[in-house]
Amino acid sequence: GIATDSSSDWGLSADMKIAGFGVNAVLGSSSAGDHEKAGITAQVTLSTALNGYALALGFDNSFQPSVSVDYDLGGLNLYAYYDAGDAEGSVGATLAF
């Protein structure tokens, strides 16, 4: 899809699934905020599911990787995420009932 906003930022996204793998690509522009760079942004993410695990590997326009792993235990979801570009991540669990 394509989107734009009132500050003239725009975005384009595409998804594809083939042979059990998903590919998501996002391309867009960003306006400069305080201490931020303006310009073109990009993100490509590859994902799949294997034995109850959801796995995703992404790369931004600086080729900084991000990785996530989720495991669903039927109401309890365990997850881990790390983004090298932001140098941060998270580990946790969510409970649904």
PDB file of N, CA and C in Angstrom:
ATOM      1  N   GLY A   1       0.809  -1.183   0.000  1.00  0.00           N
ATOM      2  CA  GLY A   1       0.000   0.000   0.000  1.00  0.00           C
ATOM      3  C   GLY A   1       0.851   1.245   0.000  1.00  0.00           C
ATOM      4  N   ILE A   2       0.223   2.354  -0.257  1.00  0.00           N
ATOM      5  CA  ILE A   2       0.877   3.667  -0.281  1.00  0.00           C
ATOM      6  C   ILE A   2       0.157   4.580   0.690  1.00  0.00           C
ATOM      7  N   ALA A   3       0.908   5.390   1.422  1.00  0.00           N
ATOM      8  CA  ALA A   3       0.313   6.340   2.365  1.00  0.00           C
ATOM      9  C   ALA A   3       1.123   7.625   2.376  1.00  0.00           C
ATOM     10  N   THR A   4       0.465   8.726   2.731  1.00  0.00           N
ATOM     11  CA  THR A   4       1.127  10.018   2.908  1.00  0.00           C
ATOM     12  C   THR A   4       0.483  10.720   4.092  1.00  0.00           C
ATOM     13  N   ASP A   5       1.149  11.740   4.626  1.00  0.00           N
ATOM     14  CA  ASP A   5       0.572  12.481   5.740  1.00  0.00           C
ATOM     15  C   ASP A   5       0.695  13.978   5.518  1.00  0.00           C
ATOM     16  N   SER A   6       0.267  14.756   6.506  1.00  0.00           N
ATOM     17  CA  SER A   6       0.203  16.207   6.360  1.00  0.00           C
ATOM     18  C   SER A   6       1.569  16.875   6.291  1.00  0.00           C
ATOM     19  N   SER A   7       2.632  16.195   6.716  1.00  0.00           N
ATOM     20  CA  SER A   7       3.972  16.782   6.629  1.00  0.00           C
ATOM     21  C   SER A   7       4.707  16.312   5.378  1.00  0.00           C
ATOM     22  N   SER A   8       3.959  15.767   4.409  1.00  0.00           N
ATOM     23  CA  SER A   8       4.487  15.297   3.131  1.00  0.00           C
ATOM     24  C   SER A   8       5.401  14.087   3.243  1.00  0.00           C
ATOM     25  N   ASP A   9       5.371  13.397   4.366  1.00  0.00           N
ATOM     26  CA  ASP A   9       6.065  12.111   4.457  1.00  0.00           C
ATOM     27  C   ASP A   9       5.236  11.096   3.689  1.00  0.00           C
ATOM     28  N   TRP A  10       5.883  10.112   3.123  1.00  0.00           N
ATOM     29  CA  TRP A  10       5.170   9.097   2.364  1.00  0.00           C
ATOM     30  C   TRP A  10       5.734   7.722   2.688  1.00  0.00           C
ATOM     31  N   GLY A  11       4.975   6.699   2.381  1.00  0.00           N
ATOM     32  CA  GLY A  11       5.422   5.342   2.625  1.00  0.00           C
ATOM     33  C   GLY A  11       4.827   4.382   1.617  1.00  0.00           C
ATOM     34  N   LEU A  12       5.558   3.327   1.346  1.00  0.00           N
ATOM     35  CA  LEU A  12       5.147   2.287   0.413  1.00  0.00           C
ATOM     36  C   LEU A  12       5.514   0.954   1.053  1.00  0.00           C
ATOM     37  N   SER A  13       4.567   0.015   1.085  1.00  0.00           N
ATOM     38  CA  SER A  13       4.868  -1.286   1.659  1.00  0.00           C
ATOM     39  C   SER A  13       4.399  -2.402   0.743  1.00  0.00           C
ATOM     40  N   ALA A  14       5.067  -3.543   0.852  1.00  0.00           N
ATOM     41  CA  ALA A  14       4.709  -4.720   0.050  1.00  0.00           C
ATOM     42  C   ALA A  14       4.968  -5.965   0.886  1.00  0.00           C
ATOM     43  N   ASP A  15       4.092  -6.951   0.754  1.00  0.00           N
ATOM     44  CA  ASP A  15       4.218  -8.232   1.450  1.00  0.00           C
ATOM     45  C   ASP A  15       4.123  -9.359   0.445  1.00  0.00           C
ATOM     46  N   MET A  16       4.846 -10.436   0.733  1.00  0.00           N
ATOM     47  CA  MET A  16       4.765 -11.615  -0.121  1.00  0.00           C
ATOM     48  C   MET A  16       5.026 -12.849   0.744  1.00  0.00           C
ATOM     49  N   LYS A  17       4.299 -13.909   0.477  1.00  0.00           N
ATOM     50  CA  LYS A  17       4.520 -15.189   1.158  1.00  0.00           C
ATOM     51  C   LYS A  17       4.757 -16.253   0.106  1.00  0.00           C
ATOM     52  N   ILE A  18       5.812 -17.040   0.322  1.00  0.00           N
ATOM     53  CA  ILE A  18       6.134 -18.106  -0.605  1.00  0.00           C
ATOM     54  C   ILE A  18       6.878 -19.208   0.144  1.00  0.00           C
ATOM     55  N   ALA A  19       6.465 -20.440  -0.056  1.00  0.00           N
ATOM     56  CA  ALA A  19       7.124 -21.624   0.505  1.00  0.00           C
ATOM     57  C   ALA A  19       7.320 -21.526   2.018  1.00  0.00           C
ATOM     58  N   GLY A  20       6.337 -21.000   2.742  1.00  0.00           N
ATOM     59  CA  GLY A  20       6.414 -20.919   4.197  1.00  0.00           C
ATOM     60  C   GLY A  20       7.197 -19.744   4.738  1.00  0.00           C
ATOM     61  N   PHE A  21       7.676 -18.880   3.878  1.00  0.00           N
ATOM     62  CA  PHE A  21       8.420 -17.696   4.300  1.00  0.00           C
ATOM     63  C   PHE A  21       7.639 -16.445   3.924  1.00  0.00           C
ATOM     64  N   GLY A  22       7.732 -15.422   4.757  1.00  0.00           N
ATOM     65  CA  GLY A  22       7.113 -14.142   4.469  1.00  0.00           C
ATOM     66  C   GLY A  22       8.191 -13.095   4.257  1.00  0.00           C
ATOM     67  N   VAL A  23       7.951 -12.176   3.348  1.00  0.00           N
ATOM     68  CA  VAL A  23       8.854 -11.054   3.097  1.00  0.00           C
ATOM     69  C   VAL A  23       8.028  -9.790   3.161  1.00  0.00           C
ATOM     70  N   ASN A  24       8.482  -8.829   3.946  1.00  0.00           N
ATOM     71  CA  ASN A  24       7.827  -7.534   4.063  1.00  0.00           C
ATOM     72  C   ASN A  24       8.861  -6.461   3.776  1.00  0.00           C
ATOM     73  N   ALA A  25       8.530  -5.541   2.884  1.00  0.00           N
ATOM     74  CA  ALA A  25       9.432  -4.433   2.555  1.00  0.00           C
ATOM     75  C   ALA A  25       8.679  -3.120   2.723  1.00  0.00           C
ATOM     76  N   VAL A  26       9.315  -2.166   3.387  1.00  0.00           N
ATOM     77  CA  VAL A  26       8.725  -0.842   3.607  1.00  0.00           C
ATOM     78  C   VAL A  26       9.749   0.195   3.160  1.00  0.00           C
ATOM     79  N   LEU A  27       9.317   1.136   2.345  1.00  0.00           N
ATOM     80  CA  LEU A  27      10.148   2.226   1.853  1.00  0.00           C
ATOM     81  C   LEU A  27       9.385   3.511   2.115  1.00  0.00           C
ATOM     82  N   GLY A  28      10.063   4.535   2.615  1.00  0.00           N
ATOM     83  CA  GLY A  28       9.352   5.774   2.901  1.00  0.00           C
ATOM     84  C   GLY A  28      10.295   6.943   3.074  1.00  0.00           C
ATOM     85  N   SER A  29       9.713   8.070   3.422  1.00  0.00           N
ATOM     86  CA  SER A  29      10.487   9.283   3.696  1.00  0.00           C
ATOM     87  C   SER A  29      10.184   9.725   5.108  1.00  0.00           C
ATOM     88  N   SER A  30      11.086  10.493   5.672  1.00  0.00           N
ATOM     89  CA  SER A  30      10.856  11.025   7.007  1.00  0.00           C
ATOM     90  C   SER A  30      11.320  12.469   7.065  1.00  0.00           C
ATOM     91  N   SER A  31      10.554  13.284   7.765  1.00  0.00           N
ATOM     92  CA  SER A  31      10.921  14.680   7.990  1.00  0.00           C
ATOM     93  C   SER A  31      11.913  14.742   9.142  1.00  0.00           C
ATOM     94  N   ALA A  32      12.758  15.743   9.128  1.00  0.00           N
ATOM     95  CA  ALA A  32      13.743  15.895  10.191  1.00  0.00           C
ATOM     96  C   ALA A  32      13.073  16.426  11.446  1.00  0.00           C
ATOM     97  N   GLY A  33      13.293  15.738  12.545  1.00  0.00           N
ATOM     98  CA  GLY A  33      12.866  16.220  13.847  1.00  0.00           C
ATOM     99  C   GLY A  33      14.098  16.731  14.573  1.00  0.00           C
ATOM    100  N   ASP A  34      13.950  17.053  15.844  1.00  0.00           N
ATOM    101  CA  ASP A  34      15.105  17.479  16.631  1.00  0.00           C
ATOM    102  C   ASP A  34      16.124  16.357  16.688  1.00  0.00           C
ATOM    103  N   HIS A  35      17.352  16.640  16.312  1.00  0.00           N
ATOM    104  CA  HIS A  35      18.468  15.694  16.344  1.00  0.00           C
ATOM    105  C   HIS A  35      18.210  14.449  15.496  1.00  0.00           C
ATOM    106  N   GLU A  36      17.453  14.581  14.431  1.00  0.00           N
ATOM    107  CA  GLU A  36      17.163  13.461  13.546  1.00  0.00           C
ATOM    108  C   GLU A  36      17.494  13.821  12.109  1.00  0.00           C
ATOM    109  N   LYS A  37      17.798  12.797  11.348  1.00  0.00           N
ATOM    110  CA  LYS A  37      18.114  12.965   9.940  1.00  0.00           C
ATOM    111  C   LYS A  37      16.848  12.761   9.111  1.00  0.00           C
ATOM    112  N   ALA A  38      16.656  13.583   8.099  1.00  0.00           N
ATOM    113  CA  ALA A  38      15.531  13.404   7.179  1.00  0.00           C
ATOM    114  C   ALA A  38      16.019  12.607   5.981  1.00  0.00           C
ATOM    115  N   GLY A  39      15.087  11.988   5.294  1.00  0.00           N
ATOM    116  CA  GLY A  39      15.469  11.276   4.083  1.00  0.00           C
ATOM    117  C   GLY A  39      14.669  10.022   3.866  1.00  0.00           C
ATOM    118  N   ILE A  40      15.204   9.154   3.036  1.00  0.00           N
ATOM    119  CA  ILE A  40      14.550   7.900   2.686  1.00  0.00           C
ATOM    120  C   ILE A  40      14.857   6.851   3.762  1.00  0.00           C
ATOM    121  N   THR A  41      13.842   6.109   4.152  1.00  0.00           N
ATOM    122  CA  THR A  41      14.015   5.011   5.097  1.00  0.00           C
ATOM    123  C   THR A  41      13.581   3.712   4.423  1.00  0.00           C
ATOM    124  N   ALA A  42      14.170   2.612   4.843  1.00  0.00           N
ATOM    125  CA  ALA A  42      13.824   1.312   4.274  1.00  0.00           C
ATOM    126  C   ALA A  42      13.934   0.250   5.351  1.00  0.00           C
ATOM    127  N   GLN A  43      13.113  -0.766   5.243  1.00  0.00           N
ATOM    128  CA  GLN A  43      13.141  -1.902   6.158  1.00  0.00           C
ATOM    129  C   GLN A  43      12.696  -3.131   5.386  1.00  0.00           C
ATOM    130  N   VAL A  44      13.445  -4.217   5.470  1.00  0.00           N
ATOM    131  CA  VAL A  44      13.076  -5.489   4.860  1.00  0.00           C
ATOM    132  C   VAL A  44      13.083  -6.534   5.966  1.00  0.00           C
ATOM    133  N   THR A  45      12.006  -7.312   6.058  1.00  0.00           N
ATOM    134  CA  THR A  45      11.889  -8.339   7.090  1.00  0.00           C
ATOM    135  C   THR A  45      11.533  -9.679   6.459  1.00  0.00           C
ATOM    136  N   LEU A  46      12.250 -10.715   6.861  1.00  0.00           N
ATOM    137  CA  LEU A  46      11.977 -12.084   6.443  1.00  0.00           C
ATOM    138  C   LEU A  46      11.438 -12.818   7.662  1.00  0.00           C
ATOM    139  N   SER A  47      10.371 -13.600   7.490  1.00  0.00           N
ATOM    140  CA  SER A  47       9.791 -14.296   8.632  1.00  0.00           C
ATOM    141  C   SER A  47       9.331 -15.695   8.248  1.00  0.00           C
ATOM    142  N   THR A  48       9.256 -16.564   9.254  1.00  0.00           N
ATOM    143  CA  THR A  48       8.754 -17.914   9.076  1.00  0.00           C
ATOM    144  C   THR A  48       8.314 -18.463  10.425  1.00  0.00           C
ATOM    145  N   ALA A  49       7.640 -19.582  10.406  1.00  0.00           N
ATOM    146  CA  ALA A  49       7.244 -20.292  11.619  1.00  0.00           C
ATOM    147  C   ALA A  49       7.796 -21.707  11.550  1.00  0.00           C
ATOM    148  N   LEU A  50       8.330 -22.192  12.669  1.00  0.00           N
ATOM    149  CA  LEU A  50       8.951 -23.506  12.700  1.00  0.00           C
ATOM    150  C   LEU A  50       8.718 -24.140  14.062  1.00  0.00           C
ATOM    151  N   ASN A  51       8.004 -25.265  14.100  1.00  0.00           N
ATOM    152  CA  ASN A  51       7.743 -26.006  15.338  1.00  0.00           C
ATOM    153  C   ASN A  51       7.192 -25.126  16.461  1.00  0.00           C
ATOM    154  N   GLY A  52       6.267 -24.246  16.144  1.00  0.00           N
ATOM    155  CA  GLY A  52       5.649 -23.375  17.137  1.00  0.00           C
ATOM    156  C   GLY A  52       6.372 -22.070  17.386  1.00  0.00           C
ATOM    157  N   TYR A  53       7.534 -21.909  16.811  1.00  0.00           N
ATOM    158  CA  TYR A  53       8.297 -20.668  16.953  1.00  0.00           C
ATOM    159  C   TYR A  53       8.022 -19.761  15.762  1.00  0.00           C
ATOM    160  N   ALA A  54       7.843 -18.477  16.020  1.00  0.00           N
ATOM    161  CA  ALA A  54       7.762 -17.474  14.960  1.00  0.00           C
ATOM    162  C   ALA A  54       9.108 -16.753  14.943  1.00  0.00           C
ATOM    163  N   LEU A  55       9.782 -16.781  13.824  1.00  0.00           N
ATOM    164  CA  LEU A  55      11.114 -16.202  13.688  1.00  0.00           C
ATOM    165  C   LEU A  55      11.086 -15.079  12.669  1.00  0.00           C
ATOM    166  N   ALA A  56      11.764 -13.974  12.958  1.00  0.00           N
ATOM    167  CA  ALA A  56      11.836 -12.859  12.008  1.00  0.00           C
ATOM    168  C   ALA A  56      13.229 -12.249  12.050  1.00  0.00           C
ATOM    169  N   LEU A  57      13.719 -11.896  10.881  1.00  0.00           N
ATOM    170  CA  LEU A  57      15.013 -11.231  10.730  1.00  0.00           C
ATOM    171  C   LEU A  57      14.804 -10.044   9.817  1.00  0.00           C
ATOM    172  N   GLY A  58      15.192  -8.862  10.279  1.00  0.00           N
ATOM    173  CA  GLY A  58      14.986  -7.647   9.491  1.00  0.00           C
ATOM    174  C   GLY A  58      16.267  -6.854   9.337  1.00  0.00           C
ATOM    175  N   PHE A  59      16.285  -6.006   8.319  1.00  0.00           N
ATOM    176  CA  PHE A  59      17.411  -5.105   8.070  1.00  0.00           C
ATOM    177  C   PHE A  59      16.863  -3.734   7.716  1.00  0.00           C
ATOM    178  N   ASP A  60      17.466  -2.675   8.271  1.00  0.00           N
ATOM    179  CA  ASP A  60      17.043  -1.321   7.921  1.00  0.00           C
ATOM    180  C   ASP A  60      17.934  -0.768   6.817  1.00  0.00           C
ATOM    181  N   ASN A  61      17.743   0.511   6.459  1.00  0.00           N
ATOM    182  CA  ASN A  61      18.494   1.100   5.355  1.00  0.00           C
ATOM    183  C   ASN A  61      19.986   1.232   5.656  1.00  0.00           C
ATOM    184  N   SER A  62      20.410   1.079   6.896  1.00  0.00           N
ATOM    185  CA  SER A  62      21.831   1.073   7.258  1.00  0.00           C
ATOM    186  C   SER A  62      22.359  -0.351   7.399  1.00  0.00           C
ATOM    187  N   PHE A  63      21.557  -1.343   6.994  1.00  0.00           N
ATOM    188  CA  PHE A  63      21.882  -2.763   7.089  1.00  0.00           C
ATOM    189  C   PHE A  63      22.084  -3.215   8.535  1.00  0.00           C
ATOM    190  N   GLN A  64      21.471  -2.500   9.486  1.00  0.00           N
ATOM    191  CA  GLN A  64      21.495  -2.914  10.880  1.00  0.00           C
ATOM    192  C   GLN A  64      20.421  -3.982  11.074  1.00  0.00           C
ATOM    193  N   PRO A  65      20.772  -5.144  11.627  1.00  0.00           N
ATOM    194  CA  PRO A  65      19.794  -6.219  11.751  1.00  0.00           C
ATOM    195  C   PRO A  65      18.895  -6.081  12.980  1.00  0.00           C
ATOM    196  N   SER A  66      17.731  -6.677  12.874  1.00  0.00           N
ATOM    197  CA  SER A  66      16.855  -6.884  14.026  1.00  0.00           C
ATOM    198  C   SER A  66      16.399  -8.333  13.953  1.00  0.00           C
ATOM    199  N   VAL A  67      16.192  -8.927  15.113  1.00  0.00           N
ATOM    200  CA  VAL A  67      15.786 -10.333  15.158  1.00  0.00           C
ATOM    201  C   VAL A  67      14.728 -10.505  16.247  1.00  0.00           C
ATOM    202  N   SER A  68      13.738 -11.332  15.965  1.00  0.00           N
ATOM    203  CA  SER A  68      12.727 -11.629  16.982  1.00  0.00           C
ATOM    204  C   SER A  68      12.359 -13.103  16.940  1.00  0.00           C
ATOM    205  N   VAL A  69      12.035 -13.627  18.118  1.00  0.00           N
ATOM    206  CA  VAL A  69      11.602 -15.012  18.282  1.00  0.00           C
ATOM    207  C   VAL A  69      10.401 -14.993  19.218  1.00  0.00           C
ATOM    208  N   ASP A  70       9.324 -15.653  18.817  1.00  0.00           N
ATOM    209  CA  ASP A  70       8.122 -15.786  19.644  1.00  0.00           C
ATOM    210  C   ASP A  70       7.780 -17.263  19.746  1.00  0.00           C
ATOM    211  N   TYR A  71       7.246 -17.657  20.907  1.00  0.00           N
ATOM    212  CA  TYR A  71       6.778 -19.025  21.088  1.00  0.00           C
ATOM    213  C   TYR A  71       5.458 -18.979  21.843  1.00  0.00           C
ATOM    214  N   ASP A  72       4.431 -19.575  21.267  1.00  0.00           N
ATOM    215  CA  ASP A  72       3.094 -19.556  21.855  1.00  0.00           C
ATOM    216  C   ASP A  72       2.804 -20.889  22.537  1.00  0.00           C
ATOM    217  N   LEU A  73       2.509 -20.814  23.827  1.00  0.00           N
ATOM    218  CA  LEU A  73       2.189 -21.999  24.605  1.00  0.00           C
ATOM    219  C   LEU A  73       0.685 -22.112  24.857  1.00  0.00           C
ATOM    220  N   GLY A  74      -0.131 -21.545  23.980  1.00  0.00           N
ATOM    221  CA  GLY A  74      -1.577 -21.611  24.145  1.00  0.00           C
ATOM    222  C   GLY A  74      -2.065 -20.724  25.270  1.00  0.00           C
ATOM    223  N   GLY A  75      -1.979 -19.444  25.112  1.00  0.00           N
ATOM    224  CA  GLY A  75      -2.385 -18.480  26.134  1.00  0.00           C
ATOM    225  C   GLY A  75      -1.200 -17.769  26.760  1.00  0.00           C
ATOM    226  N   LEU A  76      -0.048 -18.394  26.745  1.00  0.00           N
ATOM    227  CA  LEU A  76       1.175 -17.771  27.238  1.00  0.00           C
ATOM    228  C   LEU A  76       2.128 -17.637  26.052  1.00  0.00           C
ATOM    229  N   ASN A  77       2.515 -16.416  25.747  1.00  0.00           N
ATOM    230  CA  ASN A  77       3.404 -16.153  24.619  1.00  0.00           C
ATOM    231  C   ASN A  77       4.726 -15.645  25.163  1.00  0.00           C
ATOM    232  N   LEU A  78       5.804 -16.321  24.822  1.00  0.00           N
ATOM    233  CA  LEU A  78       7.155 -15.904  25.203  1.00  0.00           C
ATOM    234  C   LEU A  78       7.796 -15.228  24.004  1.00  0.00           C
ATOM    235  N   TYR A  79       8.512 -14.132  24.233  1.00  0.00           N
ATOM    236  CA  TYR A  79       9.108 -13.415  23.113  1.00  0.00           C
ATOM    237  C   TYR A  79      10.465 -12.825  23.483  1.00  0.00           C
ATOM    238  N   ALA A  80      11.279 -12.646  22.454  1.00  0.00           N
ATOM    239  CA  ALA A  80      12.573 -11.967  22.568  1.00  0.00           C
ATOM    240  C   ALA A  80      12.781 -11.170  21.299  1.00  0.00           C
ATOM    241  N   TYR A  81      13.346  -9.958  21.437  1.00  0.00           N
ATOM    242  CA  TYR A  81      13.548  -9.064  20.302  1.00  0.00           C
ATOM    243  C   TYR A  81      14.824  -8.272  20.532  1.00  0.00           C
ATOM    244  N   TYR A  82      15.589  -8.061  19.466  1.00  0.00           N
ATOM    245  CA  TYR A  82      16.765  -7.193  19.544  1.00  0.00           C
ATOM    246  C   TYR A  82      16.907  -6.427  18.239  1.00  0.00           C
ATOM    247  N   ASP A  83      17.192  -5.133  18.354  1.00  0.00           N
ATOM    248  CA  ASP A  83      17.410  -4.260  17.198  1.00  0.00           C
ATOM    249  C   ASP A  83      18.796  -3.643  17.324  1.00  0.00           C
ATOM    250  N   ALA A  84      19.716  -4.039  16.449  1.00  0.00           N
ATOM    251  CA  ALA A  84      21.090  -3.535  16.508  1.00  0.00           C
ATOM    252  C   ALA A  84      21.162  -2.050  16.187  1.00  0.00           C
ATOM    253  N   GLY A  85      20.284  -1.544  15.312  1.00  0.00           N
ATOM    254  CA  GLY A  85      20.292  -0.128  14.967  1.00  0.00           C
ATOM    255  C   GLY A  85      19.969   0.765  16.152  1.00  0.00           C
ATOM    256  N   ASP A  86      19.057   0.316  17.010  1.00  0.00           N
ATOM    257  CA  ASP A  86      18.704   1.073  18.212  1.00  0.00           C
ATOM    258  C   ASP A  86      19.481   0.609  19.426  1.00  0.00           C
ATOM    259  N   ALA A  87      20.246  -0.479  19.280  1.00  0.00           N
ATOM    260  CA  ALA A  87      21.022  -1.090  20.373  1.00  0.00           C
ATOM    261  C   ALA A  87      20.144  -1.353  21.591  1.00  0.00           C
ATOM    262  N   GLU A  88      18.958  -1.930  21.334  1.00  0.00           N
ATOM    263  CA  GLU A  88      18.070  -2.287  22.431  1.00  0.00           C
ATOM    264  C   GLU A  88      17.241  -3.495  22.075  1.00  0.00           C
ATOM    265  N   GLY A  89      16.691  -4.122  23.062  1.00  0.00           N
ATOM    266  CA  GLY A  89      15.863  -5.290  22.846  1.00  0.00           C
ATOM    267  C   GLY A  89      14.934  -5.505  24.015  1.00  0.00           C
ATOM    268  N   SER A  90      14.194  -6.608  23.943  1.00  0.00           N
ATOM    269  CA  SER A  90      13.269  -6.931  25.026  1.00  0.00           C
ATOM    270  C   SER A  90      13.069  -8.438  25.082  1.00  0.00           C
ATOM    271  N   VAL A  91      12.768  -8.907  26.276  1.00  0.00           N
ATOM    272  CA  VAL A  91      12.439 -10.304  26.520  1.00  0.00           C
ATOM    273  C   VAL A  91      11.249 -10.286  27.453  1.00  0.00           C
ATOM    274  N   GLY A  92      10.247 -11.130  27.182  1.00  0.00           N
ATOM    275  CA  GLY A  92       9.095 -11.109  28.068  1.00  0.00           C
ATOM    276  C   GLY A  92       8.098 -12.193  27.754  1.00  0.00           C
ATOM    277  N   ALA A  93       6.962 -12.070  28.410  1.00  0.00           N
ATOM    278  CA  ALA A  93       5.871 -13.017  28.230  1.00  0.00           C
ATOM    279  C   ALA A  93       4.560 -12.262  28.330  1.00  0.00           C
ATOM    280  N   THR A  94       3.573 -12.698  27.560  1.00  0.00           N
ATOM    281  CA  THR A  94       2.225 -12.165  27.673  1.00  0.00           C
ATOM    282  C   THR A  94       1.277 -13.320  27.953  1.00  0.00           C
ATOM    283  N   LEU A  95       0.287 -13.054  28.763  1.00  0.00           N
ATOM    284  CA  LEU A  95      -0.681 -14.072  29.145  1.00  0.00           C
ATOM    285  C   LEU A  95      -2.046 -13.618  28.670  1.00  0.00           C
ATOM    286  N   ALA A  96      -2.728 -14.466  27.922  1.00  0.00           N
ATOM    287  CA  ALA A  96      -4.067 -14.164  27.443  1.00  0.00           C
ATOM    288  C   ALA A  96      -5.028 -15.210  28.000  1.00  0.00           C
ATOM    289  N   PHE A  97      -6.153 -14.741  28.522  1.00  0.00           N
ATOM    290  CA  PHE A  97      -7.169 -15.670  29.030  1.00  0.00           C
ATOM    291  C   PHE A  97      -8.553 -15.110  28.838  1.00  0.00           C
TER     292      PHE A  97
END
